[in-house]
Each structure stands twice: as C-alpha cells, then as structure tokens.
Amino acid sequence: MLTETQDIEIKKSIPEAKWMAEKAAHEKKVDELLNSYLEARSRQEKNPVMDFLFEYYAFRPSNLRRWSPGVGAGLEYTETEQLPEISELSLEDGVAYVDPNLFPEKRISSLRWMITMLENTRQSRPSFGCFGMHEWAMVYRSENPRHSQVPMRMEPDELAEFVGSRPLLCTHFDAFRFFTDPAKPMNKFELSREKFHETEQPGCIHSNMDLYKWAFKMYPWIPSSLILEAFELAMDARYIDMQASPYDLRDQGLEPIKIETDSGRKEYKQKQEMIFKKGVPIRSKILDAMNRLLMMAES
C-alpha cells in the first residue's frame, strides 16, 4: 500500500508511453556510449579510460543500462512484464513505484555520511593548483609501476626529478592512497579515510569523477538518468586524468597534456575548471535526490 508520505511524494504518475520512451532512450544512449568499447573488450583490448570506470568503480555496463525512475515517480502500466526489472518496485492500483519503505535501514547511516560529505564538498572553495600530479606520484621512484605494460613519457630518473621539482597538493584520499611510499610524505596535506569528508574539495578531478560512484551506490533509488549524467562527467574527467599522466597513451588516441611545461599546466587548469563547472549542477542534483530519499526512508 502507498503510505501517506508516498501519496504526497508521488505527485503525478507517469503515463506508460512516456516512461517507456524514457527507458528506451536511456538504453539507446548507454548502447551508443558503450557498444564499441564492449566489442573491443571482448577482444581483450585494453582501454585506460573505460576499463577504470568499470573496474575501479565496479558498476557493470549492464547496471548502467538498467533504467530506474528513482523514488517519487509512479509508473502507470498495463502489463507487469513491461515494467523495469527492479526488485524494489511495489505495485498499487496500476501504478508501480520504487518503494522507499524497502530501502535497507542498515544503509541509512551510509546515506547520511554521503550527504554530509557531498554537502561539505559543495561548500568548500575549489582549488585548481594540483596540475594532475597524483598520477605521477603513483609511479615516483617505483620499480614496478601500476601499469607496467604502458610506456612512460619520461625515463625514471627524469620523472623522479620532475616530481621532486613540483609541489604535491592532492586533496583526495582515494588518489593519495596509491602514492608510492617515497611520494606520500611529499604531499602538502595529511589525508586519511577518517578525514575524507573534511578534505574533499569540488575542484578536484577525482572528486568530480566520484560523483558517479556516489550516484550509482543509491541505485535504484536515484534516477538512472542522473547516474548516466554523472558517468559522462566521470568519462570526461578520466580522459583528462590520463592525458595529464606520465603514461604515453598516444596509441590510444590520448594526446598528452604536458604538465611538465607552463603551457601544459595552463591547459590542465582550464580543463579542470571545466570539469568543476560541469560537476556543480550534478552534485546538487545528487544531493537533492539523496536528501529526498533520506526523508522518505526515515518517514
């Protein structure tokens, strides 16, 4: 049964033809983004951008393709077989909805933590001075670089000299934790898992990339359209991340952003600011969706 709260929250049901068209458009967009990548992956071809987005973030392409309206939307239907494959759907008088009463109580504390972290980040002043040095710090004076099969743009000694000549200003713990041991003491900021929500700032490439992670963690409670929007931002951010890295990925079509030069640092900063601007409305929409979910789950 719809509770009184759900009656208030589900303002209007979506006609069957409309939501089915939205679902089909979502699936088509994901297919256009991923089909060529998935075909290449089936041939065991590596892709430093897309592999990262599906291996590090561990949200399968099939999950990204799966459509959900999120909480607060009622789907009119005539045949249950046509409804989205979502186990958290409840049915009432010809209307299906993602039921907030089925949100696991044990996940409410995690949801509150995400809201606090995202709100703190949104209110923090953006910083654009790191110039993507985190990827360089991950291979600094390492005999076994993480992606040893990929050639570097510099010899090891030259790379070490360059890293030593630049300040390390990483504010993102999940990037910092992959720094080599010699690089970690060189970072200006002390970062830890416990202080994660305090040190995040919205200018960070990885903080914006992670909007995708925070969004998909709330599937199917958050609309798939918003998860896909965050995924596209993460793709853009990862391209920049890899272009500015010490790896030579020109055979993958990634022309280097040479942050070892003044012009390269200027280019990186411009692209970092672009990602920040794109991320502002997405972060706000994720926060709105999470706050709405929390209100409904706790009622």
C-alpha atoms as a PDB file:
ATOM      1  CA  MET A   1       0.000   0.000   0.000  1.00  0.00           C
ATOM      2  CA  LEU A   2       1.097   3.591  -0.610  1.00  0.00           C
ATOM      3  CA  THR A   3       1.712   5.310   2.703  1.00  0.00           C
ATOM      4  CA  GLU A   4       0.505   8.849   3.342  1.00  0.00           C
ATOM      5  CA  THR A   5       4.051  10.121   2.824  1.00  0.00           C
ATOM      6  CA  GLN A   6       4.345   8.344  -0.517  1.00  0.00           C
ATOM      7  CA  ASP A   7       0.977   9.764  -1.610  1.00  0.00           C
ATOM      8  CA  ILE A   8       2.425  13.227  -1.016  1.00  0.00           C
ATOM      9  CA  GLU A   9       5.765  12.498  -2.655  1.00  0.00           C
ATOM     10  CA  ILE A  10       4.433  10.836  -5.806  1.00  0.00           C
ATOM     11  CA  LYS A  11       2.849  13.989  -7.178  1.00  0.00           C
ATOM     12  CA  LYS A  12       1.853  12.523 -10.523  1.00  0.00           C
ATOM     13  CA  SER A  13       2.056   9.179 -12.219  1.00  0.00           C
ATOM     14  CA  ILE A  14       3.984   8.939 -15.479  1.00  0.00           C
ATOM     15  CA  PRO A  15       1.886   7.607 -18.375  1.00  0.00           C
ATOM     16  CA  GLU A  16       3.072   4.259 -19.656  1.00  0.00           C
ATOM     17  CA  ALA A  17       4.004   5.514 -23.120  1.00  0.00           C
ATOM     18  CA  LYS A  18       6.089   8.337 -21.668  1.00  0.00           C
ATOM     19  CA  TRP A  19       8.169   6.348 -19.198  1.00  0.00           C
ATOM     20  CA  MET A  20       8.697   3.543 -21.699  1.00  0.00           C
ATOM     21  CA  ALA A  21      10.025   6.096 -24.176  1.00  0.00           C
ATOM     22  CA  GLU A  22      12.356   7.479 -21.474  1.00  0.00           C
ATOM     23  CA  LYS A  23      13.539   3.964 -20.661  1.00  0.00           C
ATOM     24  CA  ALA A  24      14.211   3.176 -24.338  1.00  0.00           C
ATOM     25  CA  ALA A  25      16.073   6.482 -24.824  1.00  0.00           C
ATOM     26  CA  HIS A  26      18.232   5.750 -21.772  1.00  0.00           C
ATOM     27  CA  GLU A  27      19.120   2.274 -23.039  1.00  0.00           C
ATOM     28  CA  LYS A  28      19.912   3.616 -26.506  1.00  0.00           C
ATOM     29  CA  LYS A  29      22.205   6.316 -25.099  1.00  0.00           C
ATOM     30  CA  VAL A  30      24.128   3.797 -22.994  1.00  0.00           C
ATOM     31  CA  ASP A  31      24.457   1.498 -26.010  1.00  0.00           C
ATOM     32  CA  GLU A  32      25.840   4.342 -28.118  1.00  0.00           C
ATOM     33  CA  LEU A  33      28.379   5.162 -25.396  1.00  0.00           C
ATOM     34  CA  LEU A  34      29.493   1.618 -24.661  1.00  0.00           C
ATOM     35  CA  ASN A  35      28.925  -0.766 -27.569  1.00  0.00           C
ATOM     36  CA  SER A  36      32.229  -0.127 -29.345  1.00  0.00           C
ATOM     37  CA  TYR A  37      34.084  -0.352 -26.031  1.00  0.00           C
ATOM     38  CA  LEU A  38      32.377  -3.628 -25.107  1.00  0.00           C
ATOM     39  CA  GLU A  39      33.190  -5.089 -28.520  1.00  0.00           C
ATOM     40  CA  ALA A  40      36.841  -4.142 -28.079  1.00  0.00           C
ATOM     41  CA  ARG A  41      36.839  -5.537 -24.542  1.00  0.00           C
ATOM     42  CA  SER A  42      35.533  -8.858 -25.871  1.00  0.00           C
ATOM     43  CA  ARG A  43      38.710  -8.949 -27.983  1.00  0.00           C
ATOM     44  CA  GLN A  44      40.800  -8.395 -24.816  1.00  0.00           C
ATOM     45  CA  GLU A  45      41.714  -4.858 -25.902  1.00  0.00           C
ATOM     46  CA  LYS A  46      42.643  -2.502 -23.068  1.00  0.00           C
ATOM     47  CA  ASN A  47      41.147   0.965 -22.628  1.00  0.00           C
ATOM     48  CA  PRO A  48      42.714   3.074 -19.846  1.00  0.00           C
ATOM     49  CA  VAL A  49      39.629   5.282 -19.527  1.00  0.00           C
ATOM     50  CA  MET A  50      36.710   2.885 -19.761  1.00  0.00           C
ATOM     51  CA  ASP A  51      38.430  -0.030 -18.008  1.00  0.00           C
ATOM     52  CA  PHE A  52      38.986   2.211 -14.995  1.00  0.00           C
ATOM     53  CA  LEU A  53      35.364   3.334 -14.911  1.00  0.00           C
ATOM     54  CA  PHE A  54      34.069  -0.242 -14.820  1.00  0.00           C
ATOM     55  CA  GLU A  55      36.817  -1.970 -12.825  1.00  0.00           C
ATOM     56  CA  TYR A  56      37.652   0.595 -10.164  1.00  0.00           C
ATOM     57  CA  TYR A  57      34.032   1.649  -9.699  1.00  0.00           C
ATOM     58  CA  ALA A  58      32.667  -1.894 -10.077  1.00  0.00           C
ATOM     59  CA  PHE A  59      29.302  -0.930 -11.583  1.00  0.00           C
ATOM     60  CA  ARG A  60      28.779  -3.146 -14.612  1.00  0.00           C
ATOM     61  CA  PRO A  61      27.754  -1.794 -18.029  1.00  0.00           C
ATOM     62  CA  SER A  62      24.541  -3.823 -17.718  1.00  0.00           C
ATOM     63  CA  ASN A  63      23.769  -1.986 -14.471  1.00  0.00           C
ATOM     64  CA  LEU A  64      24.354   1.381 -16.097  1.00  0.00           C
ATOM     65  CA  ARG A  65      21.961   0.398 -18.886  1.00  0.00           C
ATOM     66  CA  ARG A  66      19.224  -0.677 -16.466  1.00  0.00           C
ATOM     67  CA  TRP A  67      16.649   2.090 -16.090  1.00  0.00           C
ATOM     68  CA  SER A  68      15.014   3.318 -12.896  1.00  0.00           C
ATOM     69  CA  PRO A  69      12.854   6.413 -12.345  1.00  0.00           C
ATOM     70  CA  GLY A  70      14.113   6.747  -8.765  1.00  0.00           C
ATOM     71  CA  VAL A  71      11.882   7.308  -5.754  1.00  0.00           C
ATOM     72  CA  GLY A  72       8.929   9.656  -6.040  1.00  0.00           C
ATOM     73  CA  ALA A  73       7.773   8.626  -9.514  1.00  0.00           C
ATOM     74  CA  GLY A  74       4.809   6.381 -10.239  1.00  0.00           C
ATOM     75  CA  LEU A  75       4.812   4.321 -13.443  1.00  0.00           C
ATOM     76  CA  GLU A  76       1.439   3.574 -14.959  1.00  0.00           C
ATOM     77  CA  TYR A  77       1.352   0.109 -16.510  1.00  0.00           C
ATOM     78  CA  THR A  78      -0.970  -2.383 -18.175  1.00  0.00           C
ATOM     79  CA  GLU A  79       1.304  -5.451 -18.169  1.00  0.00           C
ATOM     80  CA  THR A  80       3.752  -6.189 -15.339  1.00  0.00           C
ATOM     81  CA  GLU A  81       6.125  -7.810 -17.874  1.00  0.00           C
ATOM     82  CA  GLN A  82       6.820  -4.356 -19.313  1.00  0.00           C
ATOM     83  CA  LEU A  83       7.965  -2.870 -16.003  1.00  0.00           C
ATOM     84  CA  PRO A  84      11.666  -2.239 -15.321  1.00  0.00           C
ATOM     85  CA  GLU A  85      13.496  -5.180 -13.737  1.00  0.00           C
ATOM     86  CA  ILE A  86      13.775  -3.648 -10.284  1.00  0.00           C
ATOM     87  CA  SER A  87      13.220  -5.835  -7.235  1.00  0.00           C
ATOM     88  CA  GLU A  88      12.374  -2.787  -5.097  1.00  0.00           C
ATOM     89  CA  LEU A  89       9.253  -1.971  -7.122  1.00  0.00           C
ATOM     90  CA  SER A  90       5.864  -2.062  -5.389  1.00  0.00           C
ATOM     91  CA  LEU A  91       2.558  -2.111  -7.263  1.00  0.00           C
ATOM     92  CA  GLU A  92      -0.682  -0.332  -6.351  1.00  0.00           C
ATOM     93  CA  ASP A  93      -3.786   0.213  -8.489  1.00  0.00           C
ATOM     94  CA  GLY A  94      -2.000   0.058 -11.840  1.00  0.00           C
ATOM     95  CA  VAL A  95       0.967   2.169 -10.688  1.00  0.00           C
ATOM     96  CA  ALA A  96       4.479   0.871  -9.950  1.00  0.00           C
ATOM     97  CA  TYR A  97       6.967   2.810  -7.848  1.00  0.00           C
ATOM     98  CA  VAL A  98      10.408   2.345  -6.294  1.00  0.00           C
ATOM     99  CA  ASP A  99       9.296   1.803  -2.716  1.00  0.00           C
ATOM    100  CA  PRO A 100      11.255   3.865  -0.154  1.00  0.00           C
ATOM    101  CA  ASN A 101       9.971   1.533   2.560  1.00  0.00           C
ATOM    102  CA  LEU A 102      12.235  -1.129   1.033  1.00  0.00           C
ATOM    103  CA  PHE A 103      15.380   0.963   1.455  1.00  0.00           C
ATOM    104  CA  PRO A 104      17.551  -1.071   3.877  1.00  0.00           C
ATOM    105  CA  GLU A 105      17.648   0.510   7.304  1.00  0.00           C
ATOM    106  CA  LYS A 106      21.284  -0.544   7.688  1.00  0.00           C
ATOM    107  CA  ARG A 107      22.192   1.743   4.742  1.00  0.00           C
ATOM    108  CA  ILE A 108      20.687   4.908   6.225  1.00  0.00           C
ATOM    109  CA  SER A 109      23.881   5.778   8.138  1.00  0.00           C
ATOM    110  CA  SER A 110      25.905   5.431   4.908  1.00  0.00           C
ATOM    111  CA  LEU A 111      23.411   7.643   3.097  1.00  0.00           C
ATOM    112  CA  ARG A 112      23.728  10.305   5.801  1.00  0.00           C
ATOM    113  CA  TRP A 113      27.550  10.136   5.524  1.00  0.00           C
ATOM    114  CA  MET A 114      27.399  10.647   1.741  1.00  0.00           C
ATOM    115  CA  ILE A 115      25.063  13.619   2.131  1.00  0.00           C
ATOM    116  CA  THR A 116      27.372  15.216   4.709  1.00  0.00           C
ATOM    117  CA  MET A 117      30.460  14.610   2.564  1.00  0.00           C
ATOM    118  CA  LEU A 118      28.854  15.927  -0.629  1.00  0.00           C
ATOM    119  CA  GLU A 119      27.463  18.979   1.163  1.00  0.00           C
ATOM    120  CA  ASN A 120      30.849  19.740   2.766  1.00  0.00           C
ATOM    121  CA  THR A 121      32.490  19.421  -0.650  1.00  0.00           C
ATOM    122  CA  ARG A 122      29.910  21.652  -2.305  1.00  0.00           C
ATOM    123  CA  GLN A 123      30.526  24.372   0.287  1.00  0.00           C
ATOM    124  CA  SER A 124      34.318  24.131   0.059  1.00  0.00           C
ATOM    125  CA  ARG A 125      36.332  26.512  -2.060  1.00  0.00           C
ATOM    126  CA  PRO A 126      37.527  24.834  -5.286  1.00  0.00           C
ATOM    127  CA  SER A 127      41.275  24.523  -5.793  1.00  0.00           C
ATOM    128  CA  PHE A 128      42.920  24.150  -9.191  1.00  0.00           C
ATOM    129  CA  GLY A 129      46.633  24.042  -8.370  1.00  0.00           C
ATOM    130  CA  CYS A 130      47.433  20.313  -8.298  1.00  0.00           C
ATOM    131  CA  PHE A 131      48.001  20.014 -12.090  1.00  0.00           C
ATOM    132  CA  GLY A 132      47.262  16.281 -12.037  1.00  0.00           C
ATOM    133  CA  MET A 133      50.456  15.365 -10.200  1.00  0.00           C
ATOM    134  CA  HIS A 134      48.724  12.481  -8.395  1.00  0.00           C
ATOM    135  CA  GLU A 135      49.298  10.073 -11.296  1.00  0.00           C
ATOM    136  CA  TRP A 136      52.984  10.967 -11.266  1.00  0.00           C
ATOM    137  CA  ALA A 137      53.216  10.432  -7.506  1.00  0.00           C
ATOM    138  CA  MET A 138      51.791   6.936  -8.036  1.00  0.00           C
ATOM    139  CA  VAL A 139      54.887   5.901 -10.023  1.00  0.00           C
ATOM    140  CA  TYR A 140      57.513   8.087  -8.287  1.00  0.00           C
ATOM    141  CA  ARG A 141      60.689   6.051  -7.682  1.00  0.00           C
ATOM    142  CA  SER A 142      58.781   2.818  -8.230  1.00  0.00           C
ATOM    143  CA  GLU A 143      60.442  -0.250  -9.724  1.00  0.00           C
ATOM    144  CA  ASN A 144      57.037  -1.748 -10.502  1.00  0.00           C
ATOM    145  CA  PRO A 145      54.654   0.932 -11.861  1.00  0.00           C
ATOM    146  CA  ARG A 146      50.949   0.089 -11.577  1.00  0.00           C
ATOM    147  CA  HIS A 147      50.515  -0.048 -15.368  1.00  0.00           C
ATOM    148  CA  SER A 148      53.869  -1.535 -16.278  1.00  0.00           C
ATOM    149  CA  GLN A 149      52.648  -2.598 -19.736  1.00  0.00           C
ATOM    150  CA  VAL A 150      52.179   1.059 -20.746  1.00  0.00           C
ATOM    151  CA  PRO A 151      55.247   3.104 -21.778  1.00  0.00           C
ATOM    152  CA  MET A 152      56.164   6.254 -19.876  1.00  0.00           C
ATOM    153  CA  ARG A 153      56.731   9.671 -21.407  1.00  0.00           C
ATOM    154  CA  MET A 154      59.939  10.088 -19.372  1.00  0.00           C
ATOM    155  CA  GLU A 155      62.789   7.927 -18.198  1.00  0.00           C
ATOM    156  CA  PRO A 156      62.560   7.008 -14.468  1.00  0.00           C
ATOM    157  CA  ASP A 157      65.282   9.416 -13.324  1.00  0.00           C
ATOM    158  CA  GLU A 158      63.829  12.293 -15.334  1.00  0.00           C
ATOM    159  CA  LEU A 159      60.364  11.529 -13.981  1.00  0.00           C
ATOM    160  CA  ALA A 160      61.636  11.446 -10.391  1.00  0.00           C
ATOM    161  CA  GLU A 161      63.426  14.752 -10.890  1.00  0.00           C
ATOM    162  CA  PHE A 162      60.257  16.345 -12.252  1.00  0.00           C
ATOM    163  CA  VAL A 163      58.087  15.102  -9.362  1.00  0.00           C
ATOM    164  CA  GLY A 164      60.663  16.353  -6.892  1.00  0.00           C
ATOM    165  CA  SER A 165      60.565  19.799  -8.523  1.00  0.00           C
ATOM    166  CA  ARG A 166      56.791  20.253  -8.129  1.00  0.00           C
ATOM    167  CA  PRO A 167      54.602  20.540  -5.026  1.00  0.00           C
ATOM    168  CA  LEU A 168      52.187  17.669  -4.400  1.00  0.00           C
ATOM    169  CA  LEU A 169      48.840  19.192  -3.447  1.00  0.00           C
ATOM    170  CA  CYS A 170      46.472  16.231  -3.564  1.00  0.00           C
ATOM    171  CA  THR A 171      43.268  16.612  -1.503  1.00  0.00           C
ATOM    172  CA  HIS A 172      41.630  13.300  -2.481  1.00  0.00           C
ATOM    173  CA  PHE A 173      42.426  10.356  -0.229  1.00  0.00           C
ATOM    174  CA  ASP A 174      41.462   7.677  -2.747  1.00  0.00           C
ATOM    175  CA  ALA A 175      44.124   9.039  -5.112  1.00  0.00           C
ATOM    176  CA  PHE A 176      46.663   9.690  -2.350  1.00  0.00           C
ATOM    177  CA  ARG A 177      46.470   6.108  -1.037  1.00  0.00           C
ATOM    178  CA  PHE A 178      48.028   4.895  -4.313  1.00  0.00           C
ATOM    179  CA  PHE A 179      51.047   7.207  -3.985  1.00  0.00           C
ATOM    180  CA  THR A 180      54.341   5.356  -3.696  1.00  0.00           C
ATOM    181  CA  ASP A 181      55.833   5.340  -0.211  1.00  0.00           C
ATOM    182  CA  PRO A 182      58.548   7.882  -1.157  1.00  0.00           C
ATOM    183  CA  ALA A 183      55.866  10.236  -2.550  1.00  0.00           C
ATOM    184  CA  LYS A 184      53.404  10.209   0.352  1.00  0.00           C
ATOM    185  CA  PRO A 185      55.493  12.403   2.727  1.00  0.00           C
ATOM    186  CA  MET A 186      55.857  14.949  -0.096  1.00  0.00           C
ATOM    187  CA  ASN A 187      52.136  15.735  -0.174  1.00  0.00           C
ATOM    188  CA  LYS A 188      51.212  19.036   1.458  1.00  0.00           C
ATOM    189  CA  PHE A 189      48.031  17.699   3.067  1.00  0.00           C
ATOM    190  CA  GLU A 190      47.620  14.899   5.572  1.00  0.00           C
ATOM    191  CA  LEU A 191      44.889  12.681   4.170  1.00  0.00           C
ATOM    192  CA  SER A 192      43.118   9.706   5.709  1.00  0.00           C
ATOM    193  CA  ARG A 193      39.937   7.693   5.332  1.00  0.00           C
ATOM    194  CA  GLU A 194      38.677   9.209   8.590  1.00  0.00           C
ATOM    195  CA  LYS A 195      39.140  12.773   7.307  1.00  0.00           C
ATOM    196  CA  PHE A 196      37.810  12.040   3.826  1.00  0.00           C
ATOM    197  CA  HIS A 197      34.690  14.187   4.212  1.00  0.00           C
ATOM    198  CA  GLU A 198      36.768  17.104   5.522  1.00  0.00           C
ATOM    199  CA  THR A 199      39.440  17.270   2.817  1.00  0.00           C
ATOM    200  CA  GLU A 200      37.359  16.813  -0.355  1.00  0.00           C
ATOM    201  CA  GLN A 201      37.079  19.952  -2.495  1.00  0.00           C
ATOM    202  CA  PRO A 202      34.980  20.447  -5.647  1.00  0.00           C
ATOM    203  CA  GLY A 203      37.806  21.486  -7.972  1.00  0.00           C
ATOM    204  CA  CYS A 204      39.413  18.042  -7.717  1.00  0.00           C
ATOM    205  CA  ILE A 205      39.224  15.914 -10.867  1.00  0.00           C
ATOM    206  CA  HIS A 206      38.707  12.753  -8.812  1.00  0.00           C
ATOM    207  CA  SER A 207      36.088  14.321  -6.558  1.00  0.00           C
ATOM    208  CA  ASN A 208      34.023  15.083  -9.653  1.00  0.00           C
ATOM    209  CA  MET A 209      34.730  11.643 -11.102  1.00  0.00           C
ATOM    210  CA  ASP A 210      33.459  10.102  -7.865  1.00  0.00           C
ATOM    211  CA  LEU A 211      30.054  11.730  -8.282  1.00  0.00           C
ATOM    212  CA  TYR A 212      29.344   8.717 -10.466  1.00  0.00           C
ATOM    213  CA  LYS A 213      30.213   6.386  -7.581  1.00  0.00           C
ATOM    214  CA  TRP A 214      28.025   8.163  -5.042  1.00  0.00           C
ATOM    215  CA  ALA A 215      25.122   8.200  -7.502  1.00  0.00           C
ATOM    216  CA  PHE A 216      25.219   4.529  -8.502  1.00  0.00           C
ATOM    217  CA  LYS A 217      25.557   3.432  -4.875  1.00  0.00           C
ATOM    218  CA  MET A 218      21.961   4.606  -4.491  1.00  0.00           C
ATOM    219  CA  TYR A 219      20.571   2.702  -7.495  1.00  0.00           C
ATOM    220  CA  PRO A 220      17.606   2.174  -7.972  1.00  0.00           C
ATOM    221  CA  TRP A 221      16.578   4.902  -5.521  1.00  0.00           C
ATOM    222  CA  ILE A 222      18.216   7.615  -7.642  1.00  0.00           C
ATOM    223  CA  PRO A 223      17.071   8.102 -11.271  1.00  0.00           C
ATOM    224  CA  SER A 224      19.205   6.297 -13.844  1.00  0.00           C
ATOM    225  CA  SER A 225      19.256   9.469 -15.924  1.00  0.00           C
ATOM    226  CA  LEU A 226      21.221  11.165 -13.121  1.00  0.00           C
ATOM    227  CA  ILE A 227      23.594   8.205 -12.759  1.00  0.00           C
ATOM    228  CA  LEU A 228      24.268   8.364 -16.504  1.00  0.00           C
ATOM    229  CA  GLU A 229      24.867  12.115 -16.321  1.00  0.00           C
ATOM    230  CA  ALA A 230      27.443  11.514 -13.584  1.00  0.00           C
ATOM    231  CA  PHE A 231      29.011   8.717 -15.660  1.00  0.00           C
ATOM    232  CA  GLU A 232      29.516  11.038 -18.631  1.00  0.00           C
ATOM    233  CA  LEU A 233      31.211  13.564 -16.340  1.00  0.00           C
ATOM    234  CA  ALA A 234      33.431  10.778 -14.984  1.00  0.00           C
ATOM    235  CA  MET A 235      34.394   9.835 -18.552  1.00  0.00           C
ATOM    236  CA  ASP A 236      35.395  13.415 -19.355  1.00  0.00           C
ATOM    237  CA  ALA A 237      37.385  13.658 -16.120  1.00  0.00           C
ATOM    238  CA  ARG A 238      39.157  10.348 -16.675  1.00  0.00           C
ATOM    239  CA  TYR A 239      40.249  11.362 -20.174  1.00  0.00           C
ATOM    240  CA  ILE A 240      41.888  14.468 -18.728  1.00  0.00           C
ATOM    241  CA  ASP A 241      43.374  12.400 -15.894  1.00  0.00           C
ATOM    242  CA  MET A 242      45.073  10.044 -18.341  1.00  0.00           C
ATOM    243  CA  GLN A 243      46.163  12.765 -20.758  1.00  0.00           C
ATOM    244  CA  ALA A 244      47.967  14.544 -17.914  1.00  0.00           C
ATOM    245  CA  SER A 245      49.528  11.337 -16.591  1.00  0.00           C
ATOM    246  CA  PRO A 246      53.140  10.233 -17.145  1.00  0.00           C
ATOM    247  CA  TYR A 247      51.937   7.406 -19.409  1.00  0.00           C
ATOM    248  CA  ASP A 248      52.353   7.607 -23.183  1.00  0.00           C
ATOM    249  CA  LEU A 249      48.852   6.788 -24.432  1.00  0.00           C
ATOM    250  CA  ARG A 250      49.038   8.297 -27.893  1.00  0.00           C
ATOM    251  CA  ASP A 251      48.334   4.899 -29.446  1.00  0.00           C
ATOM    252  CA  GLN A 252      45.005   5.070 -27.576  1.00  0.00           C
ATOM    253  CA  GLY A 253      44.239   8.455 -29.118  1.00  0.00           C
ATOM    254  CA  LEU A 254      45.125  10.370 -25.944  1.00  0.00           C
ATOM    255  CA  GLU A 255      47.383  13.296 -26.776  1.00  0.00           C
ATOM    256  CA  PRO A 256      49.408  14.236 -23.667  1.00  0.00           C
ATOM    257  CA  ILE A 257      48.684  17.317 -21.603  1.00  0.00           C
ATOM    258  CA  LYS A 258      52.301  18.097 -20.824  1.00  0.00           C
ATOM    259  CA  ILE A 259      52.048  19.353 -17.271  1.00  0.00           C
ATOM    260  CA  GLU A 260      55.846  19.468 -17.175  1.00  0.00           C
ATOM    261  CA  THR A 261      55.532  22.680 -19.221  1.00  0.00           C
ATOM    262  CA  ASP A 262      53.915  26.035 -18.448  1.00  0.00           C
ATOM    263  CA  SER A 263      51.547  25.694 -21.397  1.00  0.00           C
ATOM    264  CA  GLY A 264      50.575  22.177 -20.320  1.00  0.00           C
ATOM    265  CA  ARG A 265      49.802  23.302 -16.780  1.00  0.00           C
ATOM    266  CA  LYS A 266      47.670  26.130 -18.162  1.00  0.00           C
ATOM    267  CA  GLU A 267      45.782  23.661 -20.365  1.00  0.00           C
ATOM    268  CA  TYR A 268      45.239  21.280 -17.445  1.00  0.00           C
ATOM    269  CA  LYS A 269      43.925  24.056 -15.203  1.00  0.00           C
ATOM    270  CA  GLN A 270      41.449  25.167 -17.882  1.00  0.00           C
ATOM    271  CA  LYS A 271      40.146  21.629 -18.297  1.00  0.00           C
ATOM    272  CA  GLN A 272      39.994  21.092 -14.547  1.00  0.00           C
ATOM    273  CA  GLU A 273      37.884  24.234 -14.194  1.00  0.00           C
ATOM    274  CA  MET A 274      35.626  22.968 -16.994  1.00  0.00           C
ATOM    275  CA  ILE A 275      35.045  19.690 -15.110  1.00  0.00           C
ATOM    276  CA  PHE A 276      34.307  21.631 -11.920  1.00  0.00           C
ATOM    277  CA  LYS A 277      31.675  23.752 -13.672  1.00  0.00           C
ATOM    278  CA  LYS A 278      30.031  20.674 -15.182  1.00  0.00           C
ATOM    279  CA  GLY A 279      30.063  18.969 -11.809  1.00  0.00           C
ATOM    280  CA  VAL A 280      28.345  21.747  -9.839  1.00  0.00           C
ATOM    281  CA  PRO A 281      24.757  21.045 -11.028  1.00  0.00           C
ATOM    282  CA  ILE A 282      25.293  17.271 -10.981  1.00  0.00           C
ATOM    283  CA  ARG A 283      26.493  17.365  -7.370  1.00  0.00           C
ATOM    284  CA  SER A 284      23.459  19.451  -6.444  1.00  0.00           C
ATOM    285  CA  LYS A 285      21.062  17.057  -8.174  1.00  0.00           C
ATOM    286  CA  ILE A 286      22.616  14.059  -6.439  1.00  0.00           C
ATOM    287  CA  LEU A 287      22.307  15.824  -3.095  1.00  0.00           C
ATOM    288  CA  ASP A 288      18.663  16.686  -3.784  1.00  0.00           C
ATOM    289  CA  ALA A 289      17.924  13.068  -4.723  1.00  0.00           C
ATOM    290  CA  MET A 290      19.708  11.716  -1.645  1.00  0.00           C
ATOM    291  CA  ASN A 291      18.009  14.132   0.723  1.00  0.00           C
ATOM    292  CA  ARG A 292      14.659  13.207  -0.745  1.00  0.00           C
ATOM    293  CA  LEU A 293      15.414   9.510  -0.355  1.00  0.00           C
ATOM    294  CA  LEU A 294      16.545  10.013   3.251  1.00  0.00           C
ATOM    295  CA  MET A 295      13.363  11.916   4.114  1.00  0.00           C
ATOM    296  CA  MET A 296      11.182   9.209   2.595  1.00  0.00           C
ATOM    297  CA  ALA A 297      13.157   6.283   4.053  1.00  0.00           C
ATOM    298  CA  GLU A 298      13.015   7.733   7.553  1.00  0.00           C
ATOM    299  CA  SER A 299       9.319   8.666   7.485  1.00  0.00           C
END
